[in-house]
């Protein structure tokens, strides 16, 4: 291919940049290959119960809703577990900054698969936080009884002893956790499709789990710079 050339760049720079472009193209192909494998997964487990939530948010009638009622006329839904349980004074800054960006995409993704944000806080608290953050497009689900969050790892209650030891958790210690879960309805049957299980995978040295990086533009933008991410982590206020 014919490559670009920017003002005053050296031959060494252009050679290194071409090598990097080869790696970037290979990464693009790998991302597409992984997405294809995700789509090709065999059927996941059938929903053990039709979980109940309280719903509030854009374009939705507020009130009680079952998981089976979240699909509308679409075959699949995406649920994101937001670390803002009732025991937290403030939500997780990492979750919050990602939702800052996702709010703008929510009205678009909903044309293909409705997106919902689940947290174990009263619905009024979630509504107030959404207004404070100016999230007009996100739809929130309050999982007050926590049954969905426990079963689909929106918190750590169902983690094995081995996984707890791996994470250095103290006996009896639990907290809410970030994870995406996708469900698909086929007739009267709802099955789990996929979860961002990398949230629970061991982290590489100097990194967080990076389970949501593909939908989080902050990290992609910082990765473009010579400074990279370093030890930066978002704050709720600046």
Protein backbone atom coordinates (compact mmCIF):
# COMPACT_ATOMS: atom_id res chain seq x y z
CA UNK A 1 0.00 0.00 0.00
CA UNK A 2 1.03 3.63 -0.46
CA UNK A 3 1.80 5.10 2.96
CA UNK A 4 1.20 8.59 4.32
CA UNK A 5 4.02 11.01 4.99
CA UNK A 6 3.80 13.90 7.47
CA UNK A 7 5.91 17.07 7.50
CA UNK A 8 9.57 16.71 8.57
CA UNK A 9 9.36 13.09 9.68
CA UNK A 10 12.52 10.99 9.47
CA UNK A 11 13.02 7.78 7.55
CA UNK A 12 13.44 5.97 10.88
CA UNK A 13 10.10 7.31 12.09
CA UNK A 14 8.31 6.26 8.89
CA UNK A 15 9.80 2.75 8.98
CA UNK A 16 8.76 2.30 12.62
CA UNK A 17 5.31 3.69 11.92
CA UNK A 18 4.79 1.28 9.02
CA UNK A 19 5.74 -1.62 11.29
CA UNK A 20 3.29 -0.33 13.90
CA UNK A 21 0.56 -0.02 11.26
CA UNK A 22 1.08 -3.67 10.38
CA UNK A 23 0.54 -4.51 14.07
CA UNK A 24 -2.56 -2.28 14.24
CA UNK A 25 -4.06 -4.01 11.20
CA UNK A 26 -3.34 -7.40 12.78
CA UNK A 27 -5.04 -6.22 16.00
CA UNK A 28 -8.09 -5.07 14.01
CA UNK A 29 -8.34 -8.52 12.44
CA UNK A 30 -7.94 -10.17 15.84
CA UNK A 31 -10.74 -8.04 17.29
CA UNK A 32 -13.01 -9.11 14.42
CA UNK A 33 -12.01 -12.77 14.82
CA UNK A 34 -12.81 -12.66 18.56
CA UNK A 35 -16.18 -11.01 17.86
CA UNK A 36 -16.96 -13.81 15.39
CA UNK A 37 -16.11 -16.42 18.03
CA UNK A 38 -18.37 -14.61 20.49
CA UNK A 39 -21.25 -14.74 18.01
CA UNK A 40 -20.58 -18.43 17.36
CA UNK A 41 -20.84 -19.54 21.01
CA UNK A 42 -23.25 -22.45 21.57
CA UNK A 43 -26.50 -21.65 23.42
CA UNK A 44 -25.89 -20.47 26.97
CA UNK A 45 -27.79 -21.43 30.09
CA UNK A 46 -31.53 -20.84 30.31
CA UNK A 47 -32.61 -18.07 32.67
CA UNK A 48 -33.27 -19.71 36.08
CA UNK A 49 -36.02 -17.20 36.94
CA UNK A 50 -37.68 -14.15 35.44
CA UNK A 51 -35.94 -11.52 37.55
CA UNK A 52 -37.84 -8.46 38.80
CA UNK A 53 -36.57 -4.89 38.64
CA UNK A 54 -37.74 -1.31 39.04
CA UNK A 55 -37.12 0.66 35.83
CA UNK A 56 -36.52 4.34 35.13
CA UNK A 57 -34.97 6.17 32.20
CA UNK A 58 -35.24 7.39 28.65
CA UNK A 59 -38.17 6.35 26.46
CA UNK A 60 -39.40 3.79 29.01
CA UNK A 61 -42.46 3.60 31.19
CA UNK A 62 -41.25 3.68 34.82
CA UNK A 63 -42.21 0.97 37.27
CA UNK A 64 -41.82 -2.73 37.88
CA UNK A 65 -40.58 -4.90 35.03
CA UNK A 66 -39.44 -8.48 34.54
CA UNK A 67 -36.31 -9.37 32.60
CA UNK A 68 -38.54 -10.96 29.98
CA UNK A 69 -40.14 -7.54 29.47
CA UNK A 70 -36.88 -5.78 28.60
CA UNK A 71 -36.56 -6.99 25.02
CA UNK A 72 -39.32 -5.05 23.31
CA UNK A 73 -39.30 -6.22 19.69
CA UNK A 74 -35.57 -7.08 19.74
CA UNK A 75 -34.13 -10.60 20.20
CA UNK A 76 -31.22 -9.57 22.49
CA UNK A 77 -30.62 -7.24 25.44
CA UNK A 78 -27.45 -5.98 27.14
CA UNK A 79 -27.36 -5.48 30.92
CA UNK A 80 -24.46 -3.62 32.52
CA UNK A 81 -23.92 -4.03 36.26
CA UNK A 82 -23.08 -0.62 37.76
CA UNK A 83 -21.10 -0.52 41.01
CA UNK A 84 -23.50 1.71 42.94
CA UNK A 85 -24.98 -0.49 45.64
CA UNK A 86 -26.94 0.96 48.54
CA UNK A 87 -23.90 0.54 50.81
CA UNK A 88 -21.82 2.93 48.66
CA UNK A 89 -21.81 6.64 49.44
CA UNK A 90 -20.88 7.34 45.80
CA UNK A 91 -20.72 5.17 42.69
CA UNK A 92 -17.56 3.68 41.26
CA UNK A 93 -15.69 6.40 39.29
CA UNK A 94 -14.56 3.81 36.73
CA UNK A 95 -18.12 2.70 36.02
CA UNK A 96 -19.33 6.30 36.01
CA UNK A 97 -16.83 7.62 33.48
CA UNK A 98 -17.66 4.75 31.12
CA UNK A 99 -21.38 5.48 31.43
CA UNK A 100 -20.62 9.14 30.67
CA UNK A 101 -19.52 7.94 27.23
CA UNK A 102 -22.04 5.13 26.80
CA UNK A 103 -24.99 7.48 27.38
CA UNK A 104 -24.33 9.04 23.99
CA UNK A 105 -24.37 5.63 22.31
CA UNK A 106 -27.38 4.25 24.18
CA UNK A 107 -29.98 5.63 21.78
CA UNK A 108 -28.09 4.09 18.86
CA UNK A 109 -27.41 0.64 20.32
CA UNK A 110 -31.06 0.43 21.32
CA UNK A 111 -31.99 0.22 17.65
CA UNK A 112 -30.35 -3.23 17.63
CA UNK A 113 -30.30 -4.37 21.27
CA UNK A 114 -31.74 -2.49 24.27
CA UNK A 115 -29.16 -1.51 26.87
CA UNK A 116 -29.90 -1.36 30.61
CA UNK A 117 -27.81 -0.32 33.61
CA UNK A 118 -28.41 -2.45 36.72
CA UNK A 119 -27.50 -1.44 40.28
CA UNK A 120 -28.47 -2.53 43.78
CA UNK A 121 -29.74 0.90 44.79
CA UNK A 122 -33.27 2.29 45.11
CA UNK A 123 -34.59 3.55 41.81
CA UNK A 124 -34.95 7.12 43.11
CA UNK A 125 -31.25 7.19 43.94
CA UNK A 126 -30.34 5.98 40.45
CA UNK A 127 -32.65 8.55 38.87
CA UNK A 128 -31.10 11.36 40.92
CA UNK A 129 -27.57 10.30 39.93
CA UNK A 130 -28.53 10.09 36.25
CA UNK A 131 -29.88 13.65 36.42
CA UNK A 132 -26.73 14.88 38.16
CA UNK A 133 -24.54 13.29 35.48
CA UNK A 134 -26.87 14.47 32.68
CA UNK A 135 -27.48 11.03 31.25
CA UNK A 136 -30.68 11.46 29.23
CA UNK A 137 -30.44 8.24 27.22
CA UNK A 138 -29.59 5.53 29.77
CA UNK A 139 -32.23 3.24 31.26
CA UNK A 140 -31.70 2.08 34.85
CA UNK A 141 -32.87 -1.05 36.61
CA UNK A 142 -32.93 -1.27 40.39
CA UNK A 143 -32.09 -4.79 41.60
CA UNK A 144 -33.09 -4.27 45.21
CA UNK A 145 -33.38 -7.95 46.17
CA UNK A 146 -30.06 -8.63 44.43
CA UNK A 147 -31.10 -11.96 42.95
CA UNK A 148 -30.07 -11.07 39.41
CA UNK A 149 -26.80 -9.48 40.57
CA UNK A 150 -25.85 -12.58 42.56
CA UNK A 151 -26.61 -15.04 39.77
CA UNK A 152 -24.91 -13.06 36.99
CA UNK A 153 -21.90 -11.81 38.97
CA UNK A 154 -22.95 -8.21 39.41
CA UNK A 155 -21.56 -8.82 42.88
CA UNK A 156 -19.12 -11.30 44.39
CA UNK A 157 -21.47 -13.47 46.47
CA UNK A 158 -21.26 -16.52 44.20
CA UNK A 159 -17.49 -16.47 43.79
CA UNK A 160 -15.75 -19.72 44.70
CA UNK A 161 -13.31 -19.97 47.59
CA UNK A 162 -10.49 -20.43 45.08
CA UNK A 163 -11.46 -17.24 43.23
CA UNK A 164 -11.72 -15.35 46.52
CA UNK A 165 -8.24 -16.48 47.50
CA UNK A 166 -6.96 -15.49 44.06
CA UNK A 167 -8.29 -11.98 44.60
CA UNK A 168 -7.07 -11.70 48.20
CA UNK A 169 -10.58 -11.31 49.62
CA UNK A 170 -11.18 -11.62 53.35
CA UNK A 171 -13.67 -14.20 54.70
CA UNK A 172 -17.21 -12.90 54.40
CA UNK A 173 -16.09 -9.95 52.27
CA UNK A 174 -18.35 -9.07 49.31
CA UNK A 175 -18.93 -6.11 47.05
CA UNK A 176 -20.74 -5.21 43.84
CA UNK A 177 -18.80 -5.69 40.61
CA UNK A 178 -18.78 -4.43 37.03
CA UNK A 179 -19.84 -6.84 34.30
CA UNK A 180 -21.77 -6.84 31.02
CA UNK A 181 -24.27 -9.66 30.41
CA UNK A 182 -26.09 -10.36 27.16
CA UNK A 183 -29.35 -12.33 26.95
CA UNK A 184 -31.32 -13.59 23.97
CA UNK A 185 -34.99 -14.53 23.72
CA UNK A 186 -36.05 -17.36 21.43
CA UNK A 187 -39.78 -17.86 21.62
CA UNK A 188 -40.61 -18.29 25.28
CA UNK A 189 -37.04 -19.19 26.28
CA UNK A 190 -34.44 -16.68 27.46
CA UNK A 191 -30.80 -17.75 27.50
CA UNK A 192 -27.59 -16.16 28.67
CA UNK A 193 -25.33 -15.43 25.69
CA UNK A 194 -22.12 -13.86 26.97
CA UNK A 195 -20.59 -11.96 29.91
CA UNK A 196 -17.49 -9.81 30.22
CA UNK A 197 -15.83 -12.45 32.40
CA UNK A 198 -12.47 -10.74 32.03
CA UNK A 199 -13.68 -8.56 34.93
CA UNK A 200 -12.94 -11.60 37.08
CA UNK A 201 -9.81 -12.78 35.29
CA UNK A 202 -6.31 -12.22 36.73
CA UNK A 203 -4.89 -8.85 35.76
CA UNK A 204 -1.60 -8.49 33.91
CA UNK A 205 1.09 -6.56 35.82
CA UNK A 206 0.47 -2.82 35.80
CA UNK A 207 -3.03 -3.16 34.33
CA UNK A 208 -6.59 -3.27 35.52
CA UNK A 209 -8.86 -5.99 34.10
CA UNK A 210 -9.68 -3.96 30.93
CA UNK A 211 -12.88 -5.94 30.46
CA UNK A 212 -14.80 -2.94 29.10
CA UNK A 213 -12.09 -1.34 26.98
CA UNK A 214 -13.80 -1.98 23.66
CA UNK A 215 -16.74 0.25 24.70
CA UNK A 216 -14.70 2.79 26.70
CA UNK A 217 -13.26 5.62 24.56
CA UNK A 218 -11.24 7.17 27.40
CA UNK A 219 -8.64 4.42 27.39
CA UNK A 220 -8.43 4.34 23.61
CA UNK A 221 -7.77 8.07 23.50
CA UNK A 222 -5.07 7.90 26.18
CA UNK A 223 -3.44 4.94 24.44
CA UNK A 224 -2.84 7.20 21.43
CA UNK A 225 -0.51 9.45 23.44
CA UNK A 226 3.18 8.96 24.32
CA UNK A 227 2.23 9.15 28.03
CA UNK A 228 -0.38 6.40 27.68
CA UNK A 229 -2.65 5.61 30.60
CA UNK A 230 0.11 5.44 33.22
CA UNK A 231 -1.58 5.28 36.63
CA UNK A 232 -4.45 7.62 35.71
CA UNK A 233 -7.92 6.71 36.95
CA UNK A 234 -11.02 8.84 36.42
CA UNK A 235 -12.60 10.93 39.15
CA UNK A 236 -16.23 11.80 39.75
CA UNK A 237 -15.33 15.52 39.77
CA UNK A 238 -12.50 17.72 38.53
